[in-house]
Amino acid sequence: MTPDMSVTKPATLTASAVADAALVSEATMFFGSPAALRNVVATAGDLSAKQTKALRHIRLVLSAGAPVHPDILDSVQSIFPSAEIHTPTA
């Protein structure tokens, strides 16, 4: 399922949109470009308790297309605490 965002502008993706999509689809994996991940991290403080719980069900996070800074990956891990994170360019 594609979260509510502009697919041509990955930096518009928010943590809430990812969580809402995860809730609806019972998702266990998430793919986000590095730009999307940066904004997910930047907006994670807006998550509700229900949304935060939904993101704990994500088991795999993938990102590709450009390097992802290790600090962003650390923050992504805290948002998706049960997930393995894979990025071939990190």
N, C-alpha and C. Protein backbone atom coordinates (compact mmCIF):
# COMPACT_ATOMS: atom_id res chain seq x y z
N MET A 1 0.84 -1.17 0.00
CA MET A 1 0.00 0.00 0.00
C MET A 1 0.89 1.23 0.00
N THR A 2 0.52 2.21 -0.78
CA THR A 2 1.27 3.47 -0.81
C THR A 2 0.67 4.44 0.20
N PRO A 3 1.48 4.94 1.11
CA PRO A 3 0.96 5.92 2.08
C PRO A 3 0.51 7.20 1.38
N ASP A 4 -0.27 7.99 2.09
CA ASP A 4 -0.73 9.27 1.58
C ASP A 4 0.47 10.21 1.43
N MET A 5 0.88 10.45 0.16
CA MET A 5 2.03 11.29 -0.14
C MET A 5 2.05 11.58 -1.63
N SER A 6 2.90 12.48 -2.04
CA SER A 6 3.15 12.71 -3.45
C SER A 6 4.29 11.78 -3.85
N VAL A 7 3.99 10.77 -4.68
CA VAL A 7 5.02 9.80 -5.03
C VAL A 7 6.16 10.41 -5.85
N THR A 8 5.92 11.57 -6.43
CA THR A 8 7.00 12.25 -7.16
C THR A 8 7.83 13.14 -6.25
N LYS A 9 7.42 13.25 -5.00
CA LYS A 9 8.15 14.06 -4.01
C LYS A 9 8.30 13.24 -2.73
N PRO A 10 9.27 12.33 -2.68
CA PRO A 10 9.39 11.43 -1.53
C PRO A 10 9.56 12.14 -0.19
N ALA A 11 10.09 13.35 -0.23
CA ALA A 11 10.29 14.08 1.03
C ALA A 11 8.97 14.53 1.65
N THR A 12 7.84 14.29 0.96
CA THR A 12 6.53 14.63 1.54
C THR A 12 6.00 13.52 2.44
N LEU A 13 6.67 12.38 2.47
CA LEU A 13 6.20 11.26 3.28
C LEU A 13 6.41 11.58 4.77
N THR A 14 5.37 11.36 5.55
CA THR A 14 5.46 11.59 6.99
C THR A 14 5.38 10.27 7.75
N ALA A 15 5.85 10.30 8.97
CA ALA A 15 5.76 9.12 9.83
C ALA A 15 4.30 8.73 10.04
N SER A 16 3.42 9.71 10.19
CA SER A 16 2.00 9.42 10.39
C SER A 16 1.40 8.72 9.18
N ALA A 17 1.78 9.13 7.98
CA ALA A 17 1.26 8.50 6.76
C ALA A 17 1.73 7.05 6.68
N VAL A 18 2.99 6.80 7.04
CA VAL A 18 3.50 5.43 7.04
C VAL A 18 2.74 4.59 8.06
N ALA A 19 2.55 5.12 9.24
CA ALA A 19 1.85 4.39 10.29
C ALA A 19 0.41 4.12 9.92
N ASP A 20 -0.27 5.10 9.34
CA ASP A 20 -1.66 4.90 8.94
C ASP A 20 -1.77 3.82 7.86
N ALA A 21 -0.85 3.81 6.91
CA ALA A 21 -0.83 2.77 5.88
C ALA A 21 -0.55 1.40 6.50
N ALA A 22 0.36 1.38 7.46
CA ALA A 22 0.68 0.12 8.14
C ALA A 22 -0.52 -0.42 8.90
N LEU A 23 -1.28 0.47 9.51
CA LEU A 23 -2.48 0.05 10.24
C LEU A 23 -3.52 -0.56 9.31
N VAL A 24 -3.75 0.09 8.19
CA VAL A 24 -4.78 -0.36 7.24
C VAL A 24 -4.40 -1.68 6.58
N SER A 25 -3.13 -1.80 6.22
CA SER A 25 -2.70 -2.96 5.43
C SER A 25 -2.03 -4.06 6.25
N GLU A 26 -1.85 -3.82 7.55
CA GLU A 26 -1.12 -4.76 8.41
C GLU A 26 0.26 -5.05 7.83
N ALA A 27 0.91 -4.01 7.34
CA ALA A 27 2.22 -4.13 6.69
C ALA A 27 3.28 -4.63 7.65
N THR A 28 4.23 -5.37 7.09
CA THR A 28 5.38 -5.82 7.87
C THR A 28 6.70 -5.36 7.25
N MET A 29 6.62 -4.65 6.12
CA MET A 29 7.83 -4.09 5.51
C MET A 29 7.54 -2.70 4.99
N PHE A 30 8.63 -1.92 4.88
CA PHE A 30 8.51 -0.55 4.42
C PHE A 30 9.72 -0.23 3.55
N PHE A 31 9.48 0.36 2.39
CA PHE A 31 10.55 0.87 1.54
C PHE A 31 10.41 2.38 1.47
N GLY A 32 11.50 3.07 1.72
CA GLY A 32 11.51 4.53 1.59
C GLY A 32 12.84 5.00 1.04
N SER A 33 12.78 5.95 0.15
CA SER A 33 14.02 6.55 -0.36
C SER A 33 14.70 7.29 0.79
N PRO A 34 15.98 7.62 0.64
CA PRO A 34 16.65 8.39 1.69
C PRO A 34 15.93 9.71 2.01
N ALA A 35 15.41 10.39 0.99
CA ALA A 35 14.66 11.64 1.25
C ALA A 35 13.41 11.36 2.06
N ALA A 36 12.73 10.27 1.74
CA ALA A 36 11.53 9.90 2.50
C ALA A 36 11.89 9.57 3.95
N LEU A 37 12.96 8.82 4.13
CA LEU A 37 13.38 8.46 5.49
C LEU A 37 13.69 9.69 6.32
N ARG A 38 14.36 10.67 5.71
CA ARG A 38 14.69 11.91 6.45
C ARG A 38 13.42 12.58 6.97
N ASN A 39 12.37 12.62 6.14
CA ASN A 39 11.15 13.29 6.58
C ASN A 39 10.35 12.42 7.56
N VAL A 40 10.41 11.11 7.40
CA VAL A 40 9.77 10.24 8.38
C VAL A 40 10.40 10.47 9.76
N VAL A 41 11.71 10.55 9.79
CA VAL A 41 12.41 10.83 11.06
C VAL A 41 12.01 12.21 11.59
N ALA A 42 11.97 13.20 10.72
CA ALA A 42 11.67 14.58 11.14
C ALA A 42 10.25 14.72 11.68
N THR A 43 9.33 13.85 11.25
CA THR A 43 7.92 13.97 11.66
C THR A 43 7.50 12.91 12.66
N ALA A 44 8.43 12.09 13.12
CA ALA A 44 8.09 11.00 14.04
C ALA A 44 7.51 11.50 15.37
N GLY A 45 7.85 12.70 15.75
CA GLY A 45 7.32 13.25 16.99
C GLY A 45 5.82 13.50 16.96
N ASP A 46 5.23 13.47 15.78
CA ASP A 46 3.78 13.69 15.64
C ASP A 46 2.98 12.40 15.75
N LEU A 47 3.64 11.26 15.92
CA LEU A 47 2.93 9.98 15.97
C LEU A 47 2.10 9.84 17.24
N SER A 48 0.91 9.28 17.08
CA SER A 48 0.08 8.93 18.24
C SER A 48 0.57 7.60 18.80
N ALA A 49 0.08 7.24 19.96
CA ALA A 49 0.45 5.96 20.57
C ALA A 49 0.04 4.80 19.67
N LYS A 50 -1.13 4.89 19.06
CA LYS A 50 -1.61 3.83 18.16
C LYS A 50 -0.72 3.71 16.92
N GLN A 51 -0.30 4.83 16.38
CA GLN A 51 0.58 4.81 15.22
C GLN A 51 1.96 4.25 15.58
N THR A 52 2.48 4.66 16.72
CA THR A 52 3.77 4.15 17.18
C THR A 52 3.72 2.63 17.32
N LYS A 53 2.64 2.12 17.88
CA LYS A 53 2.47 0.67 18.04
C LYS A 53 2.42 -0.02 16.67
N ALA A 54 1.76 0.58 15.70
CA ALA A 54 1.67 -0.01 14.37
C ALA A 54 3.05 -0.16 13.74
N LEU A 55 3.93 0.80 13.97
CA LEU A 55 5.26 0.75 13.37
C LEU A 55 6.13 -0.31 14.03
N ARG A 56 5.75 -0.77 15.19
CA ARG A 56 6.48 -1.87 15.84
C ARG A 56 6.26 -3.20 15.11
N HIS A 57 5.24 -3.27 14.27
CA HIS A 57 4.95 -4.50 13.51
C HIS A 57 5.76 -4.59 12.22
N ILE A 58 6.41 -3.51 11.85
CA ILE A 58 7.24 -3.52 10.65
C ILE A 58 8.51 -4.33 10.98
N ARG A 59 8.79 -5.33 10.15
CA ARG A 59 9.93 -6.22 10.38
C ARG A 59 11.11 -5.95 9.45
N LEU A 60 10.86 -5.22 8.37
CA LEU A 60 11.91 -4.97 7.39
C LEU A 60 11.76 -3.55 6.84
N VAL A 61 12.83 -2.78 6.88
CA VAL A 61 12.87 -1.45 6.28
C VAL A 61 13.98 -1.47 5.23
N LEU A 62 13.62 -1.06 4.01
CA LEU A 62 14.56 -1.01 2.90
C LEU A 62 14.66 0.41 2.39
N SER A 63 15.85 0.80 1.96
CA SER A 63 16.05 2.10 1.34
C SER A 63 17.16 1.96 0.30
N ALA A 64 17.00 2.64 -0.81
CA ALA A 64 18.00 2.60 -1.88
C ALA A 64 17.90 3.87 -2.70
N GLY A 65 18.90 4.08 -3.52
CA GLY A 65 18.89 5.22 -4.42
C GLY A 65 19.97 6.24 -4.10
N ALA A 66 20.38 6.28 -2.85
CA ALA A 66 21.43 7.19 -2.42
C ALA A 66 21.89 6.73 -1.04
N PRO A 67 23.05 7.15 -0.61
CA PRO A 67 23.50 6.80 0.74
C PRO A 67 22.57 7.40 1.80
N VAL A 68 22.44 6.70 2.91
CA VAL A 68 21.66 7.18 4.05
C VAL A 68 22.63 7.41 5.20
N HIS A 69 22.61 8.60 5.75
CA HIS A 69 23.52 8.93 6.85
C HIS A 69 23.26 7.99 8.04
N PRO A 70 24.31 7.51 8.68
CA PRO A 70 24.15 6.62 9.83
C PRO A 70 23.24 7.19 10.94
N ASP A 71 23.26 8.50 11.15
CA ASP A 71 22.38 9.09 12.16
C ASP A 71 20.91 8.91 11.78
N ILE A 72 20.61 9.02 10.50
CA ILE A 72 19.23 8.79 10.04
C ILE A 72 18.86 7.33 10.25
N LEU A 73 19.77 6.42 9.92
CA LEU A 73 19.50 4.99 10.13
C LEU A 73 19.25 4.69 11.61
N ASP A 74 20.01 5.32 12.50
CA ASP A 74 19.78 5.12 13.94
C ASP A 74 18.39 5.60 14.33
N SER A 75 17.98 6.73 13.80
CA SER A 75 16.65 7.26 14.11
C SER A 75 15.56 6.38 13.52
N VAL A 76 15.78 5.88 12.31
CA VAL A 76 14.81 4.97 11.68
C VAL A 76 14.66 3.72 12.56
N GLN A 77 15.77 3.22 13.08
CA GLN A 77 15.68 2.03 13.94
C GLN A 77 14.84 2.30 15.17
N SER A 78 14.91 3.49 15.72
CA SER A 78 14.09 3.80 16.90
C SER A 78 12.61 3.92 16.55
N ILE A 79 12.30 4.31 15.33
CA ILE A 79 10.91 4.42 14.89
C ILE A 79 10.32 3.05 14.57
N PHE A 80 11.18 2.17 14.01
CA PHE A 80 10.79 0.81 13.64
C PHE A 80 11.63 -0.17 14.48
N PRO A 81 11.38 -0.26 15.78
CA PRO A 81 12.29 -1.00 16.66
C PRO A 81 12.39 -2.50 16.39
N SER A 82 11.40 -3.08 15.73
CA SER A 82 11.42 -4.51 15.46
C SER A 82 11.99 -4.85 14.09
N ALA A 83 12.38 -3.85 13.35
CA ALA A 83 12.77 -4.04 11.94
C ALA A 83 14.27 -4.24 11.76
N GLU A 84 14.58 -5.07 10.76
CA GLU A 84 15.92 -5.10 10.20
C GLU A 84 15.96 -4.01 9.16
N ILE A 85 17.05 -3.26 9.11
CA ILE A 85 17.16 -2.17 8.14
C ILE A 85 18.26 -2.53 7.14
N HIS A 86 17.90 -2.45 5.87
CA HIS A 86 18.86 -2.77 4.80
C HIS A 86 18.89 -1.63 3.80
N THR A 87 20.09 -1.18 3.50
CA THR A 87 20.29 -0.19 2.46
C THR A 87 21.60 -0.52 1.76
N PRO A 88 21.56 -0.83 0.48
CA PRO A 88 22.77 -1.26 -0.20
C PRO A 88 23.80 -0.16 -0.41
N THR A 89 23.43 1.08 -0.14
CA THR A 89 24.36 2.18 -0.39
C THR A 89 24.87 2.82 0.88
N ALA A 90 24.58 2.22 2.02
CA ALA A 90 25.03 2.82 3.30
C ALA A 90 26.38 2.29 3.72
